[in-house]
Amino acid sequence: MDLDCRRCGRFHITPGAIRDVLNLKPEYKPLLSAYCRRLPEGAEPPTIKVDTVEQFIRTLPQYTPPEKLDNLLELMGRMSLAPGAATTFNPETDYPLLIARSPDEVRFFSAELLERDYIRGPREGPPTVMSRGWERLEEIKRSAPLSNRAFVAMWFDKSTDDLYNEAVKAAILKAGYDPLRIGRHEHVNRIDDEITGQIKRSRFMVADFTGQRYGVYFEAGMMIGLGRTVIWMCDKKESDQGKLHFDVRQFNFIDHESIEDARERLYNRILAIEGEGPGQFEKPG
């Protein structure tokens, strides 16, 4: 069954999954909507099956309240036709884009944006991003050198869950940084604004090329274009078989042979590059 919803976006759902979705806990249903709405522009609509509902929900990043506040401002700015024009962001239908559980959560953060004079508008109706809001958006763009975030680019498949959870995420956290992994379908279309924005706000990137996904190559190239550090990783078997594209073979890869090997070498690599470059790896306080 193919469906197109203003709140949930476009998706295909199998008959067997309909009952699963209907029986989801109320707090989980908005998260499934968030997954569908946040897919990149041009990506194929997801197919919701009995065994993918939980997987889709687990792919969503976990944002702190301050991050959600900035993310809402970014959404409002992105959905404004021009400075001075009211945003087209609608809390009633667009709250899944914020990974919010209800429009009330959006209204909570909107009230804070109003209090800070980042937005202005009528009590009912779309607000307008004000000059201080646009200034804040510029600050966000420039904040990456002081950010504590590490963007993780890797194949989002069940086969890589252990690698991420037990090696990549564990090593980044141990080194004192916060990992951010955004799940999405791999594709060859234009990368979406959400991923682009989060890459710009990250201090460095861990890119694991196991599986040879187009998206990982694209995201690593974007990080290089920003002049920031990429830590290169790949399963040793794929590396030895020459599967890595020739454009990246010259980089110093962590060609890991096991979860333990990947975790230890990634942790040591993060420590080794702290202090290198234009101040971007000063240890976070």
Protein backbone atom coordinates (compact mmCIF):
# COMPACT_ATOMS: atom_id res chain seq x y z
CA MET A 1 0.00 0.00 0.00
CA ASP A 2 1.46 3.37 -1.07
CA LEU A 3 0.56 6.37 1.08
CA ASP A 4 1.35 10.09 0.96
CA CYS A 5 0.72 12.13 4.10
CA ARG A 6 1.51 15.79 4.84
CA ARG A 7 2.73 14.82 8.31
CA CYS A 8 4.33 11.42 7.63
CA GLY A 9 5.54 11.87 4.05
CA ARG A 10 5.51 9.17 1.38
CA PHE A 11 5.92 5.51 2.29
CA HIS A 12 4.89 2.00 1.38
CA ILE A 13 3.51 -0.30 4.05
CA THR A 14 2.88 -4.02 3.84
CA PRO A 15 -0.43 -5.46 5.10
CA GLY A 16 1.36 -7.31 7.87
CA ALA A 17 2.96 -4.13 9.18
CA ILE A 18 -0.27 -2.13 9.41
CA ARG A 19 -1.26 -3.90 12.62
CA ASP A 20 2.23 -3.41 14.05
CA VAL A 21 2.09 0.32 13.39
CA LEU A 22 -1.42 0.63 14.83
CA ASN A 23 -0.25 -1.17 17.97
CA LEU A 24 2.85 1.00 18.45
CA LYS A 25 3.02 2.93 21.69
CA PRO A 26 1.79 6.50 21.16
CA GLU A 27 5.27 7.93 21.81
CA TYR A 28 6.77 5.78 19.02
CA LYS A 29 4.37 6.67 16.20
CA PRO A 30 5.76 10.22 15.75
CA LEU A 31 9.25 8.70 15.50
CA LEU A 32 8.20 6.53 12.57
CA SER A 33 6.76 9.65 10.94
CA ALA A 34 10.06 11.42 11.61
CA TYR A 35 12.00 8.69 9.82
CA CYS A 36 9.85 8.97 6.69
CA ARG A 37 9.79 12.79 6.61
CA ARG A 38 13.54 13.18 7.10
CA LEU A 39 14.65 11.02 4.17
CA PRO A 40 16.76 12.87 1.58
CA GLU A 41 15.08 14.62 -1.31
CA GLY A 42 14.75 12.19 -4.20
CA ALA A 43 15.18 9.07 -2.07
CA GLU A 44 12.84 6.16 -2.68
CA PRO A 45 9.93 6.04 -0.18
CA PRO A 46 10.70 3.53 2.57
CA THR A 47 8.89 0.23 2.80
CA ILE A 48 7.55 -0.35 6.28
CA LYS A 49 7.55 -4.05 7.06
CA VAL A 50 6.98 -6.03 10.21
CA ASP A 51 10.73 -6.36 10.79
CA THR A 52 11.72 -2.77 9.87
CA VAL A 53 9.54 -0.64 12.17
CA GLU A 54 11.92 -0.89 15.13
CA GLN A 55 14.97 -0.60 12.88
CA PHE A 56 13.74 2.67 11.35
CA ILE A 57 13.05 4.18 14.76
CA ARG A 58 16.50 3.20 16.05
CA THR A 59 18.19 5.04 13.18
CA LEU A 60 17.00 8.45 14.35
CA PRO A 61 19.62 10.66 16.01
CA GLN A 62 19.13 11.62 19.65
CA TYR A 63 19.21 15.41 20.00
CA THR A 64 19.55 17.32 23.25
CA PRO A 65 17.05 20.15 23.98
CA PRO A 66 19.59 22.88 23.04
CA GLU A 67 20.26 21.07 19.75
CA LYS A 68 16.53 20.84 19.05
CA LEU A 69 16.23 24.56 19.70
CA ASP A 70 18.91 25.31 17.12
CA ASN A 71 17.49 22.70 14.74
CA LEU A 72 14.05 24.33 14.89
CA LEU A 73 15.56 27.72 14.09
CA GLU A 74 17.42 26.15 11.16
CA LEU A 75 14.22 24.56 9.89
CA MET A 76 12.37 27.86 10.11
CA GLY A 77 15.18 29.66 8.30
CA ARG A 78 15.41 26.99 5.62
CA MET A 79 11.64 27.12 5.09
CA SER A 80 11.58 30.90 4.69
CA LEU A 81 11.42 32.20 1.13
CA ALA A 82 13.62 35.18 2.06
CA PRO A 83 14.70 37.18 5.13
CA GLY A 84 11.64 39.03 6.38
CA ALA A 85 9.20 36.48 5.00
CA ALA A 86 7.18 34.27 7.33
CA THR A 87 8.38 30.68 7.56
CA THR A 88 6.28 27.95 6.00
CA PHE A 89 7.19 25.58 8.85
CA ASN A 90 3.90 24.33 10.31
CA PRO A 91 4.07 22.75 13.79
CA GLU A 92 0.91 20.73 13.16
CA THR A 93 2.33 18.86 10.16
CA ASP A 94 6.10 19.45 10.28
CA TYR A 95 6.93 18.49 13.87
CA PRO A 96 8.36 15.11 12.75
CA LEU A 97 11.18 17.02 11.00
CA LEU A 98 12.36 18.07 14.48
CA ILE A 99 11.99 14.50 15.79
CA ALA A 100 9.44 15.99 18.16
CA ARG A 101 6.71 13.84 19.65
CA SER A 102 3.93 16.38 19.15
CA PRO A 103 3.22 19.95 17.98
CA ASP A 104 3.27 20.94 21.66
CA GLU A 105 6.98 20.16 21.81
CA VAL A 106 7.56 22.47 18.84
CA ARG A 107 5.51 25.20 20.51
CA PHE A 108 7.68 24.84 23.63
CA PHE A 109 10.85 25.50 21.65
CA SER A 110 9.13 28.22 19.58
CA ALA A 111 8.32 30.08 22.80
CA GLU A 112 12.00 30.04 23.72
CA LEU A 113 12.96 31.33 20.25
CA LEU A 114 10.42 34.14 20.73
CA GLU A 115 11.87 34.93 24.18
CA ARG A 116 15.35 35.26 22.65
CA ASP A 117 14.05 37.48 19.83
CA TYR A 118 15.20 34.95 17.24
CA ILE A 119 11.71 34.85 15.75
CA ARG A 120 8.70 37.12 15.89
CA GLY A 121 5.11 36.74 14.85
CA PRO A 122 1.50 36.53 15.88
CA ARG A 123 0.44 34.17 18.65
CA GLU A 124 -1.41 32.17 15.99
CA GLY A 125 0.22 31.86 12.60
CA PRO A 126 3.68 31.41 11.11
CA PRO A 127 6.51 33.41 12.68
CA THR A 128 9.33 35.26 10.92
CA VAL A 129 13.02 34.72 11.61
CA MET A 130 14.41 38.04 12.83
CA SER A 131 17.87 39.55 12.46
CA ARG A 132 19.08 38.02 15.73
CA GLY A 133 17.83 34.65 14.48
CA TRP A 134 19.82 34.92 11.25
CA GLU A 135 22.85 35.98 13.29
CA ARG A 136 22.39 32.87 15.44
CA LEU A 137 22.26 30.71 12.33
CA GLU A 138 25.58 32.18 11.21
CA GLU A 139 27.03 31.42 14.66
CA ILE A 140 25.89 27.83 14.31
CA LYS A 141 27.68 27.54 10.97
CA ARG A 142 30.90 28.83 12.53
CA SER A 143 30.62 26.74 15.70
CA ALA A 144 32.09 23.50 14.33
CA PRO A 145 35.69 24.19 15.49
CA LEU A 146 34.32 24.40 19.04
CA SER A 147 31.81 21.59 18.60
CA ASN A 148 31.97 18.42 20.64
CA ARG A 149 30.25 16.43 17.90
CA ALA A 150 31.71 13.73 15.67
CA PHE A 151 29.69 12.91 12.57
CA VAL A 152 29.66 9.22 11.66
CA ALA A 153 29.26 8.27 8.00
CA MET A 154 28.75 4.57 7.40
CA TRP A 155 26.43 2.03 5.82
CA PHE A 156 23.19 1.94 7.77
CA ASP A 157 22.53 -1.78 7.72
CA LYS A 158 21.96 -4.32 10.48
CA SER A 159 25.28 -5.91 9.58
CA THR A 160 27.08 -2.76 10.78
CA ASP A 161 25.17 -2.27 14.05
CA ASP A 162 27.79 -4.02 16.19
CA LEU A 163 30.60 -2.13 14.49
CA TYR A 164 28.89 1.17 15.26
CA ASN A 165 27.67 0.46 18.79
CA GLU A 166 30.65 -1.50 20.12
CA ALA A 167 33.50 0.12 18.21
CA VAL A 168 32.82 3.49 16.56
CA LYS A 169 30.39 4.95 19.10
CA ALA A 170 32.31 3.49 22.04
CA ALA A 171 35.66 4.91 20.87
CA ILE A 172 34.24 8.37 20.18
CA LEU A 173 32.55 8.55 23.58
CA LYS A 174 35.69 7.31 25.34
CA ALA A 175 37.69 10.06 23.62
CA GLY A 176 35.29 12.68 25.00
CA TYR A 177 33.16 13.46 21.95
CA ASP A 178 29.51 12.93 21.05
CA PRO A 179 28.83 10.71 18.00
CA LEU A 180 26.05 11.59 15.58
CA ARG A 181 24.90 8.99 13.07
CA ILE A 182 21.98 9.86 10.82
CA GLY A 183 20.28 6.88 9.24
CA ARG A 184 19.03 7.09 5.68
CA HIS A 185 18.65 5.06 2.52
CA GLU A 186 21.71 5.15 0.27
CA HIS A 187 21.10 6.91 -3.03
CA VAL A 188 22.79 8.96 -5.74
CA ASN A 189 20.55 12.02 -5.51
CA ARG A 190 21.35 15.37 -3.86
CA ILE A 191 22.17 14.98 -0.18
CA ASP A 192 19.47 16.51 1.99
CA ASP A 193 19.79 19.71 3.95
CA GLU A 194 19.60 17.96 7.30
CA ILE A 195 22.72 15.88 6.74
CA THR A 196 24.55 18.82 5.17
CA GLY A 197 23.75 21.02 8.16
CA GLN A 198 24.87 18.43 10.70
CA ILE A 199 28.14 17.80 8.87
CA LYS A 200 28.86 21.55 8.93
CA ARG A 201 28.27 21.56 12.68
CA SER A 202 30.60 18.63 13.43
CA ARG A 203 34.21 18.93 14.51
CA PHE A 204 35.39 15.83 12.68
CA MET A 205 34.04 12.80 10.87
CA VAL A 206 34.53 9.07 11.22
CA ALA A 207 33.86 7.51 7.81
CA ASP A 208 33.67 3.74 7.54
CA PHE A 209 33.55 2.55 3.94
CA THR A 210 32.60 -1.05 4.65
CA GLY A 211 29.89 -1.87 2.12
CA GLN A 212 31.13 0.82 -0.32
CA ARG A 213 28.08 3.08 -0.05
CA TYR A 214 27.85 6.15 -2.27
CA GLY A 215 26.65 8.28 0.63
CA VAL A 216 29.77 7.68 2.70
CA TYR A 217 32.01 8.82 -0.15
CA PHE A 218 29.85 11.92 -0.63
CA GLU A 219 29.82 12.86 3.04
CA ALA A 220 33.56 12.34 3.46
CA GLY A 221 34.19 14.54 0.42
CA MET A 222 31.99 17.25 1.89
CA MET A 223 33.94 17.17 5.15
CA ILE A 224 37.23 17.47 3.27
CA GLY A 225 35.78 20.42 1.36
CA LEU A 226 35.12 22.12 4.69
CA GLY A 227 38.78 21.65 5.60
CA ARG A 228 38.06 19.36 8.54
CA THR A 229 39.42 16.01 9.62
CA VAL A 230 38.10 12.69 8.34
CA ILE A 231 39.13 9.46 10.04
CA TRP A 232 39.06 6.74 7.39
CA MET A 233 37.97 3.18 8.19
CA CYS A 234 37.14 0.00 6.28
CA ASP A 235 36.89 -3.71 6.86
CA LYS A 236 40.31 -5.22 6.13
CA LYS A 237 38.89 -7.86 3.79
CA GLU A 238 37.35 -5.20 1.55
CA SER A 239 40.51 -3.13 1.72
CA ASP A 240 42.72 -6.11 0.78
CA GLN A 241 40.37 -6.97 -2.10
CA GLY A 242 40.87 -3.52 -3.59
CA LYS A 243 37.24 -2.49 -3.20
CA LEU A 244 38.07 1.04 -2.04
CA HIS A 245 37.80 3.62 -4.81
CA PHE A 246 41.17 4.78 -6.07
CA ASP A 247 40.38 8.39 -5.07
CA VAL A 248 40.62 7.51 -1.36
CA ARG A 249 43.23 4.76 -1.26
CA GLN A 250 46.00 7.24 -0.47
CA PHE A 251 44.49 8.04 2.92
CA ASN A 252 45.64 6.34 6.10
CA PHE A 253 42.82 3.85 6.67
CA ILE A 254 42.03 1.93 9.83
CA ASP A 255 41.63 -1.43 8.12
CA HIS A 256 40.00 -3.21 11.02
CA GLU A 257 39.88 -6.98 11.40
CA SER A 258 37.50 -7.16 14.37
CA ILE A 259 35.25 -5.05 16.57
CA GLU A 260 37.98 -4.84 19.20
CA ASP A 261 40.59 -3.86 16.63
CA ALA A 262 38.36 -1.12 15.23
CA ARG A 263 37.53 0.28 18.67
CA GLU A 264 41.12 0.43 19.92
CA ARG A 265 42.60 1.85 16.73
CA LEU A 266 39.88 4.46 16.30
CA TYR A 267 40.28 5.64 19.90
CA ASN A 268 44.04 5.93 19.45
CA ARG A 269 43.59 7.75 16.13
CA ILE A 270 41.30 10.35 17.72
CA LEU A 271 43.83 10.93 20.49
CA ALA A 272 46.66 11.14 17.95
CA ILE A 273 45.04 13.93 15.93
CA GLU A 274 43.99 16.07 18.88
CA GLY A 275 45.95 19.29 18.72
CA GLU A 276 46.61 18.98 14.98
CA GLY A 277 45.20 21.50 12.52
CA PRO A 278 43.95 25.05 13.22
CA GLY A 279 42.85 24.49 16.80
CA GLN A 280 39.95 22.26 15.82
CA PHE A 281 41.09 19.35 17.95
CA GLU A 282 41.69 21.09 21.21
CA LYS A 283 40.35 18.75 23.86
CA PRO A 284 36.76 19.70 24.77
CA GLY A 285 36.37 21.01 28.26
